[in-house]
Protein backbone atom coordinates (compact mmCIF):
# COMPACT_ATOMS: atom_id res chain seq x y z
CA MET A 1 0.00 0.00 0.00
CA SER A 2 2.84 2.40 0.78
CA THR A 3 4.41 1.73 -2.63
CA PHE A 4 1.10 2.51 -4.32
CA ASP A 5 0.76 5.71 -2.36
CA TYR A 6 4.29 6.77 -3.27
CA LEU A 7 3.79 6.03 -6.97
CA CYS A 8 0.47 7.84 -7.07
CA LYS A 9 2.00 10.95 -5.49
CA LEU A 10 5.00 10.79 -7.81
CA ALA A 11 2.80 10.39 -10.89
CA SER A 12 0.49 13.24 -9.90
CA ARG A 13 3.48 15.50 -9.15
CA HIS A 14 4.66 14.99 -12.74
CA ASN A 15 1.13 14.98 -14.23
CA MET A 16 1.60 11.43 -15.48
CA LEU A 17 -0.28 8.17 -15.26
CA ALA A 18 1.31 5.50 -13.05
CA ILE A 19 1.79 2.23 -14.94
CA ILE A 20 3.18 -0.71 -12.96
CA THR A 21 4.14 -4.16 -14.23
CA PHE A 22 3.92 -7.21 -11.95
CA ASP A 23 4.37 -10.93 -12.23
CA GLU A 24 1.27 -13.11 -11.91
CA THR A 25 1.22 -13.56 -8.12
CA LEU A 26 1.78 -9.90 -7.28
CA PHE A 27 -0.59 -8.82 -10.04
CA TRP A 28 -3.38 -10.83 -8.41
CA LYS A 29 -2.67 -9.39 -4.94
CA VAL A 30 -2.43 -5.81 -6.23
CA SER A 31 -5.71 -6.24 -8.11
CA GLU A 32 -7.35 -7.27 -4.84
CA ILE A 33 -5.93 -4.20 -3.10
CA MET A 34 -7.17 -1.91 -5.88
CA ASN A 35 -10.66 -3.39 -5.62
CA ALA A 36 -10.68 -2.93 -1.83
CA VAL A 37 -9.95 0.82 -1.80
CA THR A 38 -12.63 3.46 -2.14
CA ASP A 39 -13.61 4.79 -5.57
CA ASP A 40 -12.11 8.23 -4.92
CA SER A 41 -8.70 6.81 -3.96
CA PRO A 42 -5.79 7.82 -6.22
CA ILE A 43 -4.78 4.16 -6.28
CA ARG A 44 -7.69 3.54 -8.65
CA ASN A 45 -5.83 5.58 -11.29
CA VAL A 46 -2.86 3.20 -11.40
CA VAL A 47 -2.68 1.02 -14.52
CA LEU A 48 -1.62 -2.56 -13.80
CA LEU A 49 0.11 -4.68 -16.41
CA LEU A 50 0.89 -8.35 -16.30
CA GLY A 51 4.60 -8.83 -16.85
CA SER A 52 6.07 -10.15 -20.05
CA PHE A 53 7.67 -13.09 -18.23
CA HIS A 54 4.21 -14.51 -17.56
CA THR A 55 3.26 -13.99 -21.20
CA PHE A 56 6.37 -15.86 -22.40
CA MET A 57 5.75 -18.71 -19.98
CA ASN A 58 2.18 -19.07 -21.28
CA LEU A 59 3.49 -19.09 -24.84
CA PHE A 60 6.06 -21.78 -24.03
CA ALA A 61 3.42 -23.86 -22.25
CA ALA A 62 1.14 -23.60 -25.29
CA ILE A 63 3.96 -24.59 -27.64
CA GLY A 64 4.77 -27.49 -25.32
CA CYS A 65 1.16 -28.72 -25.46
CA LEU A 66 0.90 -28.32 -29.22
CA MET A 67 4.25 -29.98 -29.89
CA ASP A 68 3.75 -32.81 -27.38
CA GLY A 69 4.79 -36.11 -28.92
CA SER A 70 6.64 -34.48 -31.81
CA GLY A 71 10.12 -35.31 -30.48
CA LEU A 72 10.97 -31.69 -29.69
CA MET A 73 11.27 -32.47 -25.98
CA GLU A 74 13.75 -35.27 -26.64
CA ILE A 75 15.90 -33.05 -28.87
CA LEU A 76 15.97 -30.26 -26.30
CA ASP A 77 16.64 -32.79 -23.54
CA MET A 78 19.72 -34.08 -25.36
CA GLU A 79 21.01 -30.56 -25.98
CA TYR A 80 20.24 -28.78 -22.70
CA GLY A 81 19.33 -31.43 -20.12
CA LYS A 82 16.05 -32.43 -18.53
CA ASN A 83 16.12 -29.91 -15.66
CA VAL A 84 16.46 -26.97 -18.03
CA ILE A 85 13.43 -27.77 -20.15
């Protein structure tokens, strides 16, 4: 909450919109905080973005499901090792 308050004050001081990027877990928690504050709170003006790391992980998971059984996993396993994949 203190970070939100600081960012809101900083953004309003510079007449800018506060845009913050979070990973999935923090994004969920911050969304809950934003929904819990009153409608006139400056925290409501913060724009939340889901981080690109989560987007890439979803893409890789989708590729993994689509390519399952194609032999791609075995090739990557030989090159990089099972714990990396």
